Amino acid sequence: MEQSWISQWMEHGEIRTLPAGTVLLDDGSYIRSVPLVLSGVIKVLKQNEEGKEILLYYIQPGESCVMSFLGGLHEEKSKIKAVVEEDAEVLLIPIDEIRRLIREEYGFIEFMFKLYHRRFEEVLNVLEAVSFKRLDERLLALLHKKMKLSGSVQLQVTHQQLADELGTDRVVVSRLLKQLENEGMVSLGRNRIVMLKPEPEM
């Protein structure tokens, strides 16, 4: 991403510091701005009518949310939920400024198309995992993804949070985590999971 883009957005957007757990965008809410993550991590989830969620992808520093980008341009309600995974600094860019960048900055359009392509592949991977992979494989892959994002083998996460991101029940996740602990893959603590093997074996 070119530094000039960031400078322009800094002038026309609002920088906010958000603690982990903050709901940045809720399912069904109107989209007034598009977030650009400066630091930290944001997770994007899809929620069904019963309130069950599943993780779609993570937004990392230097990235934006294509779903809020498209929904905001079309003045539609959000179809996703965005939650701060790790304490984050976010630049919120008003939709009117996004429209101006589309008109005047080809580089911005190119950036958003590349990001859209990446997110589309990630959503396809989620669909493939849900359709063809066992839940224990998906759980272990999620744990390693979180380890990579945080840069630490110690993960501060609850069984319920993992269940929400996998679209399953907490009791199922707790059983699978105990199985992984018995296999020497993880060590379990209160709201804490330590990864004992850095690379997945499944």
Protein backbone atom coordinates (compact mmCIF):
# COMPACT_ATOMS: atom_id res chain seq x y z
CA MET A 1 0.00 0.00 0.00
CA GLU A 2 1.40 3.41 -0.98
CA GLN A 3 2.15 5.81 1.86
CA SER A 4 0.35 8.60 0.01
CA TRP A 5 -2.93 6.70 0.31
CA ILE A 6 -2.55 6.39 4.05
CA SER A 7 -1.76 10.11 4.32
CA GLN A 8 -4.93 10.99 2.43
CA TRP A 9 -7.03 8.70 4.59
CA MET A 10 -5.50 10.12 7.76
CA GLU A 11 -6.76 13.55 6.73
CA HIS A 12 -10.30 12.42 6.01
CA GLY A 13 -10.80 9.59 8.49
CA GLU A 14 -10.91 9.04 12.24
CA ILE A 15 -8.32 6.99 14.11
CA ARG A 16 -9.70 4.95 17.00
CA THR A 17 -8.00 2.66 19.50
CA LEU A 18 -10.19 -0.36 20.24
CA PRO A 19 -9.69 -3.03 22.92
CA ALA A 20 -10.08 -6.73 22.21
CA GLY A 21 -13.71 -7.81 22.18
CA THR A 22 -15.04 -4.54 20.74
CA VAL A 23 -17.75 -5.08 18.11
CA LEU A 24 -16.66 -2.77 15.32
CA LEU A 25 -19.51 -3.67 12.98
CA ASP A 26 -22.63 -5.67 13.81
CA ASP A 27 -24.74 -7.83 11.54
CA GLY A 28 -27.71 -5.80 10.28
CA SER A 29 -26.26 -2.36 11.07
CA TYR A 30 -25.78 0.38 8.50
CA ILE A 31 -22.22 0.94 7.29
CA ARG A 32 -21.07 4.54 7.70
CA SER A 33 -17.32 4.01 7.28
CA VAL A 34 -14.76 1.46 6.10
CA PRO A 35 -12.07 0.34 8.56
CA LEU A 36 -8.37 0.23 7.72
CA VAL A 37 -6.43 -1.70 10.36
CA LEU A 38 -3.24 0.09 11.41
CA SER A 39 -2.32 -2.35 14.20
CA GLY A 40 -3.88 -5.36 15.89
CA VAL A 41 -6.27 -7.88 14.35
CA ILE A 42 -10.00 -7.89 13.58
CA LYS A 43 -12.00 -11.04 12.91
CA VAL A 44 -14.97 -11.15 10.54
CA LEU A 45 -17.80 -13.56 11.26
CA LYS A 46 -21.06 -14.58 9.61
CA GLN A 47 -24.10 -15.07 11.83
CA ASN A 48 -27.22 -17.10 11.02
CA GLU A 49 -30.80 -16.44 12.14
CA GLU A 50 -30.30 -18.54 15.29
CA GLY A 51 -27.29 -16.43 16.30
CA LYS A 52 -24.69 -19.11 15.57
CA GLU A 53 -21.48 -17.68 14.10
CA ILE A 54 -18.61 -18.89 11.94
CA LEU A 55 -15.27 -17.22 11.27
CA LEU A 56 -14.76 -16.01 7.70
CA TYR A 57 -11.35 -14.31 7.85
CA TYR A 58 -9.03 -12.01 9.79
CA ILE A 59 -8.16 -8.40 8.92
CA GLN A 60 -4.52 -7.65 9.67
CA PRO A 61 -2.51 -4.39 9.67
CA GLY A 62 -2.53 -2.67 6.29
CA GLU A 63 -5.78 -4.39 5.29
CA SER A 64 -9.40 -3.32 5.09
CA CYS A 65 -12.80 -5.03 5.13
CA VAL A 66 -14.14 -5.67 1.63
CA MET A 67 -17.59 -6.58 2.97
CA SER A 68 -18.02 -3.18 4.64
CA PHE A 69 -16.53 -1.55 1.52
CA LEU A 70 -19.13 -3.12 -0.80
CA GLY A 71 -22.03 -2.78 1.63
CA GLY A 72 -21.24 0.85 2.35
CA LEU A 73 -21.06 1.79 -1.33
CA HIS A 74 -24.46 0.22 -1.98
CA GLU A 75 -25.95 1.66 1.22
CA GLU A 76 -26.85 -1.81 2.42
CA LYS A 77 -26.98 -3.17 5.95
CA SER A 78 -24.00 -5.18 7.06
CA LYS A 79 -24.13 -8.92 6.39
CA ILE A 80 -21.17 -9.66 8.66
CA LYS A 81 -19.97 -9.02 12.20
CA ALA A 82 -16.51 -7.55 12.79
CA VAL A 83 -14.94 -8.00 16.24
CA VAL A 84 -11.54 -6.85 17.51
CA GLU A 85 -9.44 -9.98 18.11
CA GLU A 86 -6.38 -8.17 19.50
CA ASP A 87 -6.22 -4.55 20.71
CA ALA A 88 -6.31 -2.55 17.51
CA GLU A 89 -5.76 0.92 16.08
CA VAL A 90 -8.20 1.47 13.25
CA LEU A 91 -8.66 4.26 10.73
CA LEU A 92 -12.36 4.68 9.94
CA ILE A 93 -12.81 6.12 6.45
CA PRO A 94 -16.22 7.70 5.69
CA ILE A 95 -18.09 6.24 2.73
CA ASP A 96 -18.08 9.61 0.91
CA GLU A 97 -14.28 9.64 1.07
CA ILE A 98 -14.23 6.06 -0.27
CA ARG A 99 -16.33 7.20 -3.24
CA ARG A 100 -13.87 10.02 -3.91
CA LEU A 101 -10.92 7.64 -3.83
CA ILE A 102 -12.67 5.35 -6.30
CA ARG A 103 -13.17 8.28 -8.68
CA GLU A 104 -9.69 9.76 -8.34
CA GLU A 105 -7.25 7.05 -7.26
CA TYR A 106 -6.68 4.05 -9.55
CA GLY A 107 -4.23 2.62 -7.02
CA PHE A 108 -7.00 2.45 -4.43
CA ILE A 109 -9.25 0.47 -6.77
CA GLU A 110 -6.39 -1.91 -7.55
CA PHE A 111 -5.72 -2.38 -3.83
CA MET A 112 -9.36 -3.18 -3.08
CA PHE A 113 -9.60 -5.67 -5.97
CA LYS A 114 -6.49 -7.49 -4.75
CA LEU A 115 -7.91 -7.57 -1.25
CA TYR A 116 -11.28 -8.80 -2.56
CA HIS A 117 -9.52 -11.64 -4.41
CA ARG A 118 -7.68 -12.64 -1.22
CA ARG A 119 -10.86 -12.61 0.87
CA PHE A 120 -12.75 -14.63 -1.76
CA GLU A 121 -10.08 -17.33 -1.56
CA GLU A 122 -10.28 -17.32 2.25
CA VAL A 123 -14.06 -17.71 2.19
CA LEU A 124 -13.68 -20.59 -0.28
CA ASN A 125 -11.22 -22.21 2.12
CA VAL A 126 -13.79 -21.88 4.93
CA LEU A 127 -16.44 -23.48 2.72
CA GLU A 128 -14.07 -26.30 1.82
CA ALA A 129 -13.11 -26.87 5.45
CA VAL A 130 -16.75 -26.96 6.62
CA SER A 131 -17.69 -29.32 3.80
CA PHE A 132 -14.78 -31.73 3.73
CA LYS A 133 -12.67 -31.49 6.91
CA ARG A 134 -13.27 -32.98 10.33
CA LEU A 135 -13.97 -30.55 13.16
CA ASP A 136 -10.79 -31.53 15.01
CA GLU A 137 -8.76 -30.61 11.92
CA ARG A 138 -10.52 -27.26 11.67
CA LEU A 139 -9.98 -26.58 15.37
CA LEU A 140 -6.26 -27.31 15.18
CA ALA A 141 -5.92 -25.17 12.04
CA LEU A 142 -7.71 -22.29 13.83
CA LEU A 143 -5.40 -22.57 16.84
CA HIS A 144 -2.32 -22.42 14.62
CA LYS A 145 -3.77 -19.46 12.76
CA LYS A 146 -4.26 -17.62 16.05
CA MET A 147 -0.73 -18.54 17.11
CA LYS A 148 0.64 -17.10 13.88
CA LEU A 149 -1.37 -13.88 14.23
CA SER A 150 -0.42 -13.32 17.86
CA GLY A 151 3.21 -14.42 17.47
CA SER A 152 2.91 -16.46 20.67
CA VAL A 153 2.35 -20.11 21.57
CA GLN A 154 0.17 -18.94 24.49
CA LEU A 155 -3.34 -18.11 23.33
CA GLN A 156 -5.75 -16.15 25.52
CA VAL A 157 -9.02 -17.59 24.25
CA THR A 158 -12.06 -19.31 25.73
CA HIS A 159 -13.66 -22.54 24.57
CA GLN A 160 -16.81 -20.54 23.80
CA GLN A 161 -14.90 -18.14 21.54
CA LEU A 162 -13.45 -21.04 19.58
CA ALA A 163 -16.88 -22.65 19.32
CA ASP A 164 -18.36 -19.41 17.99
CA GLU A 165 -15.67 -19.09 15.33
CA LEU A 166 -16.10 -22.71 14.25
CA GLY A 167 -19.88 -22.55 14.25
CA THR A 168 -20.30 -25.36 16.79
CA ASP A 169 -21.07 -25.90 20.49
CA ARG A 170 -18.73 -25.22 23.41
CA VAL A 171 -19.01 -28.76 24.79
CA VAL A 172 -17.83 -30.14 21.45
CA VAL A 173 -14.80 -27.82 21.42
CA SER A 174 -13.97 -28.66 25.04
CA ARG A 175 -14.02 -32.37 24.22
CA LEU A 176 -11.78 -31.91 21.18
CA LEU A 177 -9.34 -29.72 23.12
CA LYS A 178 -9.09 -32.37 25.82
CA GLN A 179 -8.37 -34.90 23.09
CA LEU A 180 -5.62 -32.65 21.69
CA GLU A 181 -4.18 -32.27 25.19
CA ASN A 182 -4.09 -36.04 25.63
CA GLU A 183 -2.25 -36.29 22.32
CA GLY A 184 0.37 -33.80 23.52
CA MET A 185 -0.63 -31.11 21.03
CA VAL A 186 -1.77 -28.47 23.53
CA SER A 187 -1.76 -27.64 27.24
CA LEU A 188 -5.01 -26.27 28.65
CA GLY A 189 -5.45 -23.62 31.34
CA ARG A 190 -8.17 -21.18 32.40
CA ASN A 191 -9.01 -19.14 29.27
CA ARG A 192 -5.56 -20.10 28.00
CA ILE A 193 -4.21 -22.65 25.52
CA VAL A 194 -0.51 -23.32 25.05
CA MET A 195 0.51 -24.78 21.70
CA LEU A 196 3.08 -27.52 22.31
CA LYS A 197 3.78 -28.33 18.68
CA PRO A 198 4.35 -25.36 16.34
CA GLU A 199 3.21 -27.08 13.15
CA PRO A 200 -0.07 -28.95 12.61
CA GLU A 201 0.28 -32.66 11.95
CA MET A 202 -3.20 -33.20 10.50
